[in-house]
Amino acid sequence: MGTSEAGRPVGRDGGRSAPGLPSGNAPCGALPVRPRDRVVRAVCRALPPLWAACGWRRAAGMLRHYLRGGGEPYEVDAEEVLRLPVVRASVARHLRRWRAEAAGRGVGTHRADSGWRGALITRRGSVDWWLALRGVQYRLSGTVRVAEDGRMEVAYRFQVHKSWNFDRGQSEFGVPFAPFARLHETGLAREFVVMGTAPARVDRAGAAPLPPAA
Protein backbone atom coordinates (compact mmCIF):
# COMPACT_ATOMS: atom_id res chain seq x y z
CA MET A 1 0.00 0.00 0.00
CA GLY A 2 1.47 3.36 -1.02
CA THR A 3 1.79 6.53 0.98
CA SER A 4 1.05 9.98 -0.42
CA GLU A 5 3.24 12.26 1.69
CA ALA A 6 4.52 14.61 -1.01
CA GLY A 7 2.42 17.21 -2.78
CA ARG A 8 -0.67 19.07 -1.68
CA PRO A 9 -2.69 17.48 1.14
CA VAL A 10 -6.28 16.55 0.41
CA GLY A 11 -8.72 19.29 1.30
CA ARG A 12 -6.05 22.01 1.26
CA ASP A 13 -7.59 24.26 -1.40
CA GLY A 14 -8.44 27.47 0.44
CA GLY A 15 -7.73 28.15 4.08
CA ARG A 16 -4.65 29.89 5.46
CA SER A 17 -1.29 28.48 6.48
CA ALA A 18 -1.20 30.48 9.75
CA PRO A 19 -4.05 31.19 12.19
CA GLY A 20 -3.23 34.78 13.12
CA LEU A 21 -5.20 37.68 11.65
CA PRO A 22 -3.97 41.30 11.49
CA SER A 23 -5.53 43.91 13.78
CA GLY A 24 -6.07 47.54 12.91
CA ASN A 25 -6.24 48.55 16.57
CA ALA A 26 -3.51 50.61 18.22
CA PRO A 27 -0.86 48.75 20.28
CA CYS A 28 -1.45 48.20 23.98
CA GLY A 29 -0.89 51.39 25.97
CA ALA A 30 -0.42 53.58 22.89
CA LEU A 31 -3.33 55.95 23.65
CA PRO A 32 -3.89 58.21 26.68
CA VAL A 33 -6.48 57.18 29.26
CA ARG A 34 -9.62 59.29 29.33
CA PRO A 35 -12.19 59.44 32.17
CA ARG A 36 -14.74 57.64 29.99
CA ASP A 37 -12.26 54.77 29.50
CA ARG A 38 -12.23 54.22 33.25
CA VAL A 39 -16.04 54.23 33.27
CA VAL A 40 -16.10 51.57 30.52
CA ARG A 41 -13.61 49.45 32.47
CA ALA A 42 -15.71 49.76 35.65
CA VAL A 43 -18.81 48.60 33.75
CA CYS A 44 -16.86 45.68 32.26
CA ARG A 45 -15.62 44.62 35.69
CA ALA A 46 -19.24 44.29 36.84
CA LEU A 47 -20.15 41.93 33.99
CA PRO A 48 -18.24 38.68 34.79
CA PRO A 49 -20.13 37.97 38.06
CA LEU A 50 -23.44 38.59 36.28
CA TRP A 51 -22.48 36.38 33.35
CA ALA A 52 -21.28 33.63 35.67
CA ALA A 53 -24.59 33.77 37.54
CA CYS A 54 -26.36 33.26 34.20
CA GLY A 55 -24.20 30.19 33.52
CA TRP A 56 -22.00 31.93 30.94
CA ARG A 57 -18.76 30.91 32.63
CA ARG A 58 -16.59 30.89 29.50
CA ALA A 59 -17.54 34.46 28.63
CA ALA A 60 -16.98 35.55 32.23
CA GLY A 61 -13.55 33.94 32.33
CA MET A 62 -12.38 35.53 29.10
CA LEU A 63 -13.55 39.02 30.04
CA ARG A 64 -11.77 38.71 33.40
CA HIS A 65 -8.62 37.64 31.57
CA TYR A 66 -8.88 40.66 29.27
CA LEU A 67 -9.30 43.08 32.17
CA ARG A 68 -6.39 41.61 34.15
CA GLY A 69 -4.16 42.94 31.41
CA GLY A 70 -1.50 40.23 31.42
CA GLY A 71 -1.98 39.23 27.80
CA GLU A 72 -1.08 35.58 28.39
CA PRO A 73 -2.54 33.00 25.97
CA TYR A 74 -5.89 31.60 27.09
CA GLU A 75 -6.57 27.92 26.53
CA VAL A 76 -10.12 26.79 25.83
CA ASP A 77 -11.64 23.33 25.61
CA ALA A 78 -11.61 22.74 21.84
CA GLU A 79 -13.92 19.77 22.32
CA GLU A 80 -16.61 22.17 23.54
CA VAL A 81 -16.07 24.43 20.53
CA LEU A 82 -16.39 21.37 18.29
CA ARG A 83 -19.84 20.71 19.78
CA LEU A 84 -21.21 24.03 18.53
CA PRO A 85 -23.62 23.39 15.62
CA VAL A 86 -21.92 25.77 13.18
CA VAL A 87 -18.50 24.26 13.87
CA ARG A 88 -19.78 20.67 13.75
CA ALA A 89 -21.36 21.33 10.35
CA SER A 90 -18.16 22.86 8.97
CA VAL A 91 -16.01 20.00 10.23
CA ALA A 92 -18.39 17.39 8.78
CA ARG A 93 -18.17 19.10 5.37
CA HIS A 94 -14.37 19.04 5.46
CA LEU A 95 -14.25 15.36 6.39
CA ARG A 96 -16.64 14.45 3.56
CA ARG A 97 -14.41 16.35 1.18
CA TRP A 98 -11.31 14.57 2.49
CA ARG A 99 -12.88 11.18 1.80
CA ALA A 100 -13.98 12.17 -1.70
CA GLU A 101 -10.55 13.53 -2.65
CA ALA A 102 -8.69 10.60 -1.08
CA ALA A 103 -10.88 8.13 -2.97
CA GLY A 104 -9.83 9.84 -6.18
CA ARG A 105 -6.15 9.44 -5.32
CA GLY A 106 -6.48 5.72 -4.75
CA VAL A 107 -5.06 3.19 -2.30
CA GLY A 108 -2.61 4.62 0.24
CA THR A 109 -2.32 6.99 3.16
CA HIS A 110 -2.90 10.60 2.20
CA ARG A 111 -2.12 13.70 4.24
CA ALA A 112 -5.11 15.94 4.84
CA ASP A 113 -5.35 19.55 5.96
CA SER A 114 -8.18 22.10 5.89
CA GLY A 115 -5.91 25.08 6.48
CA TRP A 116 -7.11 27.70 8.95
CA ARG A 117 -10.76 28.65 8.40
CA GLY A 118 -13.22 30.95 10.13
CA ALA A 119 -16.51 30.12 11.86
CA LEU A 120 -19.01 32.71 13.09
CA ILE A 121 -20.66 31.82 16.41
CA THR A 122 -24.20 33.11 16.92
CA ARG A 123 -26.34 33.63 20.00
CA ARG A 124 -28.64 30.86 18.77
CA GLY A 125 -25.72 28.41 18.78
CA SER A 126 -24.52 29.39 22.26
CA VAL A 127 -24.92 32.66 24.17
CA ASP A 128 -21.90 31.78 26.30
CA TRP A 129 -19.52 31.14 23.38
CA TRP A 130 -21.02 34.05 21.44
CA LEU A 131 -20.15 36.45 24.27
CA ALA A 132 -16.75 34.80 24.72
CA LEU A 133 -15.58 34.61 21.10
CA ARG A 134 -18.25 35.51 18.51
CA GLY A 135 -15.96 33.99 15.91
CA VAL A 136 -13.04 31.58 15.86
CA GLN A 137 -10.40 30.21 13.50
CA TYR A 138 -10.16 26.42 13.28
CA ARG A 139 -8.03 23.83 11.51
CA LEU A 140 -8.34 20.11 10.82
CA SER A 141 -5.20 18.12 10.05
CA GLY A 142 -4.54 14.40 9.74
CA THR A 143 -4.52 11.53 7.26
CA VAL A 144 -6.97 9.50 5.18
CA ARG A 145 -6.06 5.86 4.61
CA VAL A 146 -7.71 4.17 1.64
CA ALA A 147 -7.62 0.37 1.74
CA GLU A 148 -7.63 -1.91 -1.30
CA ASP A 149 -11.24 -2.87 -0.60
CA GLY A 150 -12.23 0.82 -0.65
CA ARG A 151 -12.68 1.25 3.08
CA MET A 152 -11.31 4.43 4.61
CA GLU A 153 -9.85 5.42 7.95
CA VAL A 154 -9.69 9.13 8.75
CA ALA A 155 -7.43 10.26 11.59
CA TYR A 156 -7.55 13.94 12.47
CA ARG A 157 -7.15 16.57 15.14
CA PHE A 158 -9.10 19.81 15.61
CA GLN A 159 -7.50 23.10 16.67
CA VAL A 160 -8.99 26.50 17.46
CA HIS A 161 -7.40 29.95 17.58
CA LYS A 162 -8.41 33.58 17.96
CA SER A 163 -5.92 36.43 17.80
CA TRP A 164 -7.96 39.13 19.57
CA ASN A 165 -11.54 39.94 20.52
CA PHE A 166 -12.53 43.57 19.94
CA ASP A 167 -12.33 45.21 16.51
CA ARG A 168 -12.73 48.93 16.00
CA GLY A 169 -15.48 49.57 13.49
CA GLN A 170 -17.42 46.44 14.43
CA SER A 171 -20.50 46.14 16.62
CA GLU A 172 -23.13 43.70 17.83
CA PHE A 173 -26.81 44.71 18.08
CA GLY A 174 -25.89 48.38 17.84
CA VAL A 175 -23.20 48.23 20.54
CA PRO A 176 -19.87 49.41 19.08
CA PHE A 177 -16.68 47.60 20.04
CA ALA A 178 -14.49 50.73 19.89
CA PRO A 179 -14.84 51.60 23.63
CA PHE A 180 -13.82 48.05 24.57
CA ALA A 181 -10.95 48.04 22.09
CA ARG A 182 -9.73 51.31 23.65
CA LEU A 183 -9.20 49.53 26.95
CA HIS A 184 -6.39 47.59 25.24
CA GLU A 185 -5.13 50.65 23.41
CA THR A 186 -4.90 52.64 26.66
CA GLY A 187 -3.38 49.78 28.68
CA LEU A 188 -6.44 49.33 30.92
CA ALA A 189 -6.81 45.81 29.51
CA ARG A 190 -4.86 43.64 27.09
CA GLU A 191 -5.82 41.47 24.15
CA PHE A 192 -4.66 37.84 24.17
CA VAL A 193 -4.53 34.78 21.97
CA VAL A 194 -7.16 32.08 22.48
CA MET A 195 -6.11 28.54 21.56
CA GLY A 196 -7.07 24.92 22.08
CA THR A 197 -6.62 21.43 20.64
CA ALA A 198 -9.13 18.59 20.90
CA PRO A 199 -8.03 14.97 21.42
CA ALA A 200 -7.14 13.13 18.21
CA ARG A 201 -10.00 11.26 16.55
CA VAL A 202 -10.16 8.24 14.26
CA ASP A 203 -13.15 7.55 12.03
CA ARG A 204 -13.46 4.08 10.50
CA ALA A 205 -17.22 4.10 9.94
CA GLY A 206 -17.54 6.56 7.08
CA ALA A 207 -19.17 9.26 9.20
CA ALA A 208 -17.28 11.64 11.45
CA PRO A 209 -17.57 10.61 15.14
CA LEU A 210 -18.18 14.16 16.28
CA PRO A 211 -19.18 14.87 19.89
CA PRO A 212 -22.84 15.50 20.71
CA ALA A 213 -24.10 18.98 19.93
CA ALA A 214 -24.00 21.53 22.71
C-alpha atoms as a PDB file:
ATOM      1  CA  MET A   1       0.000   0.000   0.000  1.00  0.00           C
ATOM      2  CA  GLY A   2       1.469   3.362  -1.021  1.00  0.00           C
ATOM      3  CA  THR A   3       1.790   6.530   0.982  1.00  0.00           C
ATOM      4  CA  SER A   4       1.054   9.979  -0.424  1.00  0.00           C
ATOM      5  CA  GLU A   5       3.237  12.264   1.691  1.00  0.00           C
ATOM      6  CA  ALA A   6       4.525  14.614  -1.011  1.00  0.00           C
ATOM      7  CA  GLY A   7       2.416  17.205  -2.778  1.00  0.00           C
ATOM      8  CA  ARG A   8      -0.665  19.070  -1.684  1.00  0.00           C
ATOM      9  CA  PRO A   9      -2.691  17.480   1.139  1.00  0.00           C
ATOM     10  CA  VAL A  10      -6.275  16.547   0.414  1.00  0.00           C
ATOM     11  CA  GLY A  11      -8.721  19.292   1.305  1.00  0.00           C
ATOM     12  CA  ARG A  12      -6.052  22.007   1.258  1.00  0.00           C
ATOM     13  CA  ASP A  13      -7.588  24.262  -1.399  1.00  0.00           C
ATOM     14  CA  GLY A  14      -8.443  27.471   0.441  1.00  0.00           C
ATOM     15  CA  GLY A  15      -7.727  28.150   4.076  1.00  0.00           C
ATOM     16  CA  ARG A  16      -4.650  29.886   5.456  1.00  0.00           C
ATOM     17  CA  SER A  17      -1.288  28.479   6.478  1.00  0.00           C
ATOM     18  CA  ALA A  18      -1.202  30.480   9.747  1.00  0.00           C
ATOM     19  CA  PRO A  19      -4.051  31.193  12.193  1.00  0.00           C
ATOM     20  CA  GLY A  20      -3.231  34.779  13.115  1.00  0.00           C
ATOM     21  CA  LEU A  21      -5.195  37.679  11.647  1.00  0.00           C
ATOM     22  CA  PRO A  22      -3.972  41.298  11.492  1.00  0.00           C
ATOM     23  CA  SER A  23      -5.528  43.906  13.781  1.00  0.00           C
ATOM     24  CA  GLY A  24      -6.072  47.536  12.912  1.00  0.00           C
ATOM     25  CA  ASN A  25      -6.240  48.552  16.571  1.00  0.00           C
ATOM     26  CA  ALA A  26      -3.508  50.611  18.221  1.00  0.00           C
ATOM     27  CA  PRO A  27      -0.858  48.753  20.279  1.00  0.00           C
ATOM     28  CA  CYS A  28      -1.454  48.195  23.981  1.00  0.00           C
ATOM     29  CA  GLY A  29      -0.891  51.389  25.972  1.00  0.00           C
ATOM     30  CA  ALA A  30      -0.424  53.580  22.890  1.00  0.00           C
ATOM     31  CA  LEU A  31      -3.327  55.951  23.647  1.00  0.00           C
ATOM     32  CA  PRO A  32      -3.890  58.211  26.683  1.00  0.00           C
ATOM     33  CA  VAL A  33      -6.475  57.176  29.259  1.00  0.00           C
ATOM     34  CA  ARG A  34      -9.616  59.294  29.332  1.00  0.00           C
ATOM     35  CA  PRO A  35     -12.195  59.442  32.167  1.00  0.00           C
ATOM     36  CA  ARG A  36     -14.745  57.638  29.990  1.00  0.00           C
ATOM     37  CA  ASP A  37     -12.262  54.774  29.504  1.00  0.00           C
ATOM     38  CA  ARG A  38     -12.230  54.217  33.248  1.00  0.00           C
ATOM     39  CA  VAL A  39     -16.042  54.225  33.270  1.00  0.00           C
ATOM     40  CA  VAL A  40     -16.102  51.570  30.521  1.00  0.00           C
ATOM     41  CA  ARG A  41     -13.612  49.453  32.468  1.00  0.00           C
ATOM     42  CA  ALA A  42     -15.714  49.756  35.650  1.00  0.00           C
ATOM     43  CA  VAL A  43     -18.806  48.596  33.751  1.00  0.00           C
ATOM     44  CA  CYS A  44     -16.862  45.679  32.261  1.00  0.00           C
ATOM     45  CA  ARG A  45     -15.624  44.616  35.693  1.00  0.00           C
ATOM     46  CA  ALA A  46     -19.239  44.288  36.843  1.00  0.00           C
ATOM     47  CA  LEU A  47     -20.149  41.929  33.992  1.00  0.00           C
ATOM     48  CA  PRO A  48     -18.242  38.680  34.789  1.00  0.00           C
ATOM     49  CA  PRO A  49     -20.132  37.972  38.062  1.00  0.00           C
ATOM     50  CA  LEU A  50     -23.444  38.585  36.281  1.00  0.00           C
ATOM     51  CA  TRP A  51     -22.482  36.382  33.350  1.00  0.00           C
ATOM     52  CA  ALA A  52     -21.278  33.634  35.670  1.00  0.00           C
ATOM     53  CA  ALA A  53     -24.594  33.767  37.539  1.00  0.00           C
ATOM     54  CA  CYS A  54     -26.355  33.256  34.199  1.00  0.00           C
ATOM     55  CA  GLY A  55     -24.200  30.192  33.519  1.00  0.00           C
ATOM     56  CA  TRP A  56     -21.995  31.932  30.940  1.00  0.00           C
ATOM     57  CA  ARG A  57     -18.764  30.915  32.633  1.00  0.00           C
ATOM     58  CA  ARG A  58     -16.595  30.888  29.496  1.00  0.00           C
ATOM     59  CA  ALA A  59     -17.541  34.459  28.634  1.00  0.00           C
ATOM     60  CA  ALA A  60     -16.984  35.549  32.232  1.00  0.00           C
ATOM     61  CA  GLY A  61     -13.547  33.944  32.333  1.00  0.00           C
ATOM     62  CA  MET A  62     -12.383  35.531  29.100  1.00  0.00           C
ATOM     63  CA  LEU A  63     -13.553  39.016  30.043  1.00  0.00           C
ATOM     64  CA  ARG A  64     -11.770  38.708  33.397  1.00  0.00           C
ATOM     65  CA  HIS A  65      -8.620  37.641  31.567  1.00  0.00           C
ATOM     66  CA  TYR A  66      -8.877  40.664  29.266  1.00  0.00           C
ATOM     67  CA  LEU A  67      -9.305  43.080  32.173  1.00  0.00           C
ATOM     68  CA  ARG A  68      -6.386  41.607  34.155  1.00  0.00           C
ATOM     69  CA  GLY A  69      -4.158  42.941  31.406  1.00  0.00           C
ATOM     70  CA  GLY A  70      -1.497  40.226  31.425  1.00  0.00           C
ATOM     71  CA  GLY A  71      -1.981  39.231  27.799  1.00  0.00           C
ATOM     72  CA  GLU A  72      -1.082  35.582  28.390  1.00  0.00           C
ATOM     73  CA  PRO A  73      -2.541  33.000  25.971  1.00  0.00           C
ATOM     74  CA  TYR A  74      -5.891  31.603  27.093  1.00  0.00           C
ATOM     75  CA  GLU A  75      -6.570  27.919  26.533  1.00  0.00           C
ATOM     76  CA  VAL A  76     -10.122  26.787  25.828  1.00  0.00           C
ATOM     77  CA  ASP A  77     -11.643  23.327  25.611  1.00  0.00           C
ATOM     78  CA  ALA A  78     -11.608  22.742  21.843  1.00  0.00           C
ATOM     79  CA  GLU A  79     -13.920  19.767  22.319  1.00  0.00           C
ATOM     80  CA  GLU A  80     -16.613  22.166  23.542  1.00  0.00           C
ATOM     81  CA  VAL A  81     -16.072  24.428  20.532  1.00  0.00           C
ATOM     82  CA  LEU A  82     -16.391  21.366  18.292  1.00  0.00           C
ATOM     83  CA  ARG A  83     -19.842  20.712  19.784  1.00  0.00           C
ATOM     84  CA  LEU A  84     -21.206  24.034  18.530  1.00  0.00           C
ATOM     85  CA  PRO A  85     -23.617  23.393  15.619  1.00  0.00           C
ATOM     86  CA  VAL A  86     -21.918  25.774  13.179  1.00  0.00           C
ATOM     87  CA  VAL A  87     -18.502  24.263  13.866  1.00  0.00           C
ATOM     88  CA  ARG A  88     -19.782  20.674  13.747  1.00  0.00           C
ATOM     89  CA  ALA A  89     -21.363  21.329  10.353  1.00  0.00           C
ATOM     90  CA  SER A  90     -18.163  22.861   8.969  1.00  0.00           C
ATOM     91  CA  VAL A  91     -16.012  19.998  10.233  1.00  0.00           C
ATOM     92  CA  ALA A  92     -18.393  17.388   8.783  1.00  0.00           C
ATOM     93  CA  ARG A  93     -18.167  19.100   5.374  1.00  0.00           C
ATOM     94  CA  HIS A  94     -14.373  19.041   5.463  1.00  0.00           C
ATOM     95  CA  LEU A  95     -14.254  15.357   6.385  1.00  0.00           C
ATOM     96  CA  ARG A  96     -16.639  14.453   3.559  1.00  0.00           C
ATOM     97  CA  ARG A  97     -14.406  16.350   1.176  1.00  0.00           C
ATOM     98  CA  TRP A  98     -11.307  14.572   2.493  1.00  0.00           C
ATOM     99  CA  ARG A  99     -12.885  11.177   1.797  1.00  0.00           C
ATOM    100  CA  ALA A 100     -13.979  12.165  -1.704  1.00  0.00           C
ATOM    101  CA  GLU A 101     -10.554  13.525  -2.650  1.00  0.00           C
ATOM    102  CA  ALA A 102      -8.688  10.600  -1.080  1.00  0.00           C
ATOM    103  CA  ALA A 103     -10.876   8.125  -2.969  1.00  0.00           C
ATOM    104  CA  GLY A 104      -9.831   9.838  -6.184  1.00  0.00           C
ATOM    105  CA  ARG A 105      -6.150   9.440  -5.322  1.00  0.00           C
ATOM    106  CA  GLY A 106      -6.483   5.720  -4.746  1.00  0.00           C
ATOM    107  CA  VAL A 107      -5.055   3.192  -2.304  1.00  0.00           C
ATOM    108  CA  GLY A 108      -2.613   4.624   0.241  1.00  0.00           C
ATOM    109  CA  THR A 109      -2.325   6.990   3.163  1.00  0.00           C
ATOM    110  CA  HIS A 110      -2.896  10.601   2.197  1.00  0.00           C
ATOM    111  CA  ARG A 111      -2.118  13.700   4.238  1.00  0.00           C
ATOM    112  CA  ALA A 112      -5.115  15.944   4.839  1.00  0.00           C
ATOM    113  CA  ASP A 113      -5.346  19.555   5.959  1.00  0.00           C
ATOM    114  CA  SER A 114      -8.180  22.096   5.890  1.00  0.00           C
ATOM    115  CA  GLY A 115      -5.913  25.079   6.478  1.00  0.00           C
ATOM    116  CA  TRP A 116      -7.113  27.699   8.954  1.00  0.00           C
ATOM    117  CA  ARG A 117     -10.760  28.655   8.402  1.00  0.00           C
ATOM    118  CA  GLY A 118     -13.216  30.952  10.129  1.00  0.00           C
ATOM    119  CA  ALA A 119     -16.505  30.123  11.859  1.00  0.00           C
ATOM    120  CA  LEU A 120     -19.009  32.713  13.095  1.00  0.00           C
ATOM    121  CA  ILE A 121     -20.664  31.817  16.414  1.00  0.00           C
ATOM    122  CA  THR A 122     -24.200  33.111  16.919  1.00  0.00           C
ATOM    123  CA  ARG A 123     -26.343  33.629  20.001  1.00  0.00           C
ATOM    124  CA  ARG A 124     -28.635  30.860  18.774  1.00  0.00           C
ATOM    125  CA  GLY A 125     -25.724  28.409  18.785  1.00  0.00           C
ATOM    126  CA  SER A 126     -24.518  29.386  22.260  1.00  0.00           C
ATOM    127  CA  VAL A 127     -24.920  32.662  24.171  1.00  0.00           C
ATOM    128  CA  ASP A 128     -21.900  31.778  26.301  1.00  0.00           C
ATOM    129  CA  TRP A 129     -19.520  31.136  23.385  1.00  0.00           C
ATOM    130  CA  TRP A 130     -21.020  34.053  21.438  1.00  0.00           C
ATOM    131  CA  LEU A 131     -20.154  36.449  24.267  1.00  0.00           C
ATOM    132  CA  ALA A 132     -16.753  34.802  24.720  1.00  0.00           C
ATOM    133  CA  LEU A 133     -15.577  34.609  21.100  1.00  0.00           C
ATOM    134  CA  ARG A 134     -18.247  35.509  18.511  1.00  0.00           C
ATOM    135  CA  GLY A 135     -15.957  33.989  15.905  1.00  0.00           C
ATOM    136  CA  VAL A 136     -13.040  31.580  15.856  1.00  0.00           C
ATOM    137  CA  GLN A 137     -10.402  30.208  13.498  1.00  0.00           C
ATOM    138  CA  TYR A 138     -10.163  26.419  13.280  1.00  0.00           C
ATOM    139  CA  ARG A 139      -8.028  23.829  11.511  1.00  0.00           C
ATOM    140  CA  LEU A 140      -8.338  20.106  10.818  1.00  0.00           C
ATOM    141  CA  SER A 141      -5.201  18.120  10.051  1.00  0.00           C
ATOM    142  CA  GLY A 142      -4.535  14.404   9.745  1.00  0.00           C
ATOM    143  CA  THR A 143      -4.520  11.530   7.261  1.00  0.00           C
ATOM    144  CA  VAL A 144      -6.973   9.500   5.176  1.00  0.00           C
ATOM    145  CA  ARG A 145      -6.062   5.859   4.614  1.00  0.00           C
ATOM    146  CA  VAL A 146      -7.707   4.172   1.636  1.00  0.00           C
ATOM    147  CA  ALA A 147      -7.618   0.369   1.741  1.00  0.00           C
ATOM    148  CA  GLU A 148      -7.629  -1.910  -1.297  1.00  0.00           C
ATOM    149  CA  ASP A 149     -11.238  -2.874  -0.602  1.00  0.00           C
ATOM    150  CA  GLY A 150     -12.226   0.819  -0.649  1.00  0.00           C
ATOM    151  CA  ARG A 151     -12.680   1.248   3.083  1.00  0.00           C
ATOM    152  CA  MET A 152     -11.308   4.431   4.612  1.00  0.00           C
ATOM    153  CA  GLU A 153      -9.852   5.415   7.948  1.00  0.00           C
ATOM    154  CA  VAL A 154      -9.691   9.134   8.746  1.00  0.00           C
ATOM    155  CA  ALA A 155      -7.428  10.259  11.589  1.00  0.00           C
ATOM    156  CA  TYR A 156      -7.552  13.936  12.474  1.00  0.00           C
ATOM    157  CA  ARG A 157      -7.152  16.573  15.138  1.00  0.00           C
ATOM    158  CA  PHE A 158      -9.103  19.808  15.610  1.00  0.00           C
ATOM    159  CA  GLN A 159      -7.495  23.099  16.670  1.00  0.00           C
ATOM    160  CA  VAL A 160      -8.986  26.503  17.459  1.00  0.00           C
ATOM    161  CA  HIS A 161      -7.405  29.952  17.583  1.00  0.00           C
ATOM    162  CA  LYS A 162      -8.411  33.576  17.962  1.00  0.00           C
ATOM    163  CA  SER A 163      -5.920  36.432  17.797  1.00  0.00           C
ATOM    164  CA  TRP A 164      -7.962  39.131  19.573  1.00  0.00           C
ATOM    165  CA  ASN A 165     -11.540  39.935  20.518  1.00  0.00           C
ATOM    166  CA  PHE A 166     -12.534  43.573  19.939  1.00  0.00           C
ATOM    167  CA  ASP A 167     -12.329  45.210  16.509  1.00  0.00           C
ATOM    168  CA  ARG A 168     -12.725  48.933  16.004  1.00  0.00           C
ATOM    169  CA  GLY A 169     -15.480  49.569  13.493  1.00  0.00           C
ATOM    170  CA  GLN A 170     -17.422  46.437  14.429  1.00  0.00           C
ATOM    171  CA  SER A 171     -20.502  46.142  16.615  1.00  0.00           C
ATOM    172  CA  GLU A 172     -23.133  43.702  17.826  1.00  0.00           C
ATOM    173  CA  PHE A 173     -26.810  44.712  18.078  1.00  0.00           C
ATOM    174  CA  GLY A 174     -25.892  48.375  17.842  1.00  0.00           C
ATOM    175  CA  VAL A 175     -23.203  48.226  20.544  1.00  0.00           C
ATOM    176  CA  PRO A 176     -19.865  49.405  19.077  1.00  0.00           C
ATOM    177  CA  PHE A 177     -16.676  47.595  20.045  1.00  0.00           C
ATOM    178  CA  ALA A 178     -14.495  50.726  19.890  1.00  0.00           C
ATOM    179  CA  PRO A 179     -14.838  51.597  23.629  1.00  0.00           C
ATOM    180  CA  PHE A 180     -13.820  48.047  24.573  1.00  0.00           C
ATOM    181  CA  ALA A 181     -10.949  48.042  22.085  1.00  0.00           C
ATOM    182  CA  ARG A 182      -9.731  51.309  23.649  1.00  0.00           C
ATOM    183  CA  LEU A 183      -9.195  49.526  26.950  1.00  0.00           C
ATOM    184  CA  HIS A 184      -6.391  47.588  25.237  1.00  0.00           C
ATOM    185  CA  GLU A 185      -5.132  50.653  23.407  1.00  0.00           C
ATOM    186  CA  THR A 186      -4.896  52.643  26.657  1.00  0.00           C
ATOM    187  CA  GLY A 187      -3.375  49.780  28.676  1.00  0.00           C
ATOM    188  CA  LEU A 188      -6.438  49.332  30.924  1.00  0.00           C
ATOM    189  CA  ALA A 189      -6.812  45.807  29.507  1.00  0.00           C
ATOM    190  CA  ARG A 190      -4.860  43.644  27.091  1.00  0.00           C
ATOM    191  CA  GLU A 191      -5.823  41.468  24.153  1.00  0.00           C
ATOM    192  CA  PHE A 192      -4.665  37.840  24.171  1.00  0.00           C
ATOM    193  CA  VAL A 193      -4.533  34.775  21.969  1.00  0.00           C
ATOM    194  CA  VAL A 194      -7.165  32.078  22.475  1.00  0.00           C
ATOM    195  CA  MET A 195      -6.111  28.540  21.564  1.00  0.00           C
ATOM    196  CA  GLY A 196      -7.066  24.922  22.081  1.00  0.00           C
ATOM    197  CA  THR A 197      -6.615  21.429  20.637  1.00  0.00           C
ATOM    198  CA  ALA A 198      -9.134  18.594  20.905  1.00  0.00           C
ATOM    199  CA  PRO A 199      -8.027  14.971  21.415  1.00  0.00           C
ATOM    200  CA  ALA A 200      -7.141  13.134  18.207  1.00  0.00           C
ATOM    201  CA  ARG A 201      -9.997  11.256  16.552  1.00  0.00           C
ATOM    202  CA  VAL A 202     -10.161   8.240  14.260  1.00  0.00           C
ATOM    203  CA  ASP A 203     -13.147   7.550  12.027  1.00  0.00           C
ATOM    204  CA  ARG A 204     -13.456   4.083  10.500  1.00  0.00           C
ATOM    205  CA  ALA A 205     -17.224   4.102   9.945  1.00  0.00           C
ATOM    206  CA  GLY A 206     -17.539   6.564   7.079  1.00  0.00           C
ATOM    207  CA  ALA A 207     -19.172   9.261   9.202  1.00  0.00           C
ATOM    208  CA  ALA A 208     -17.276  11.644  11.453  1.00  0.00           C
ATOM    209  CA  PRO A 209     -17.575  10.610  15.144  1.00  0.00           C
ATOM    210  CA  LEU A 210     -18.180  14.155  16.285  1.00  0.00           C
ATOM    211  CA  PRO A 211     -19.183  14.866  19.888  1.00  0.00           C
ATOM    212  CA  PRO A 212     -22.839  15.501  20.713  1.00  0.00           C
ATOM    213  CA  ALA A 213     -24.101  18.976  19.929  1.00  0.00           C
ATOM    214  CA  ALA A 214     -24.003  21.529  22.712  1.00  0.00           C
END
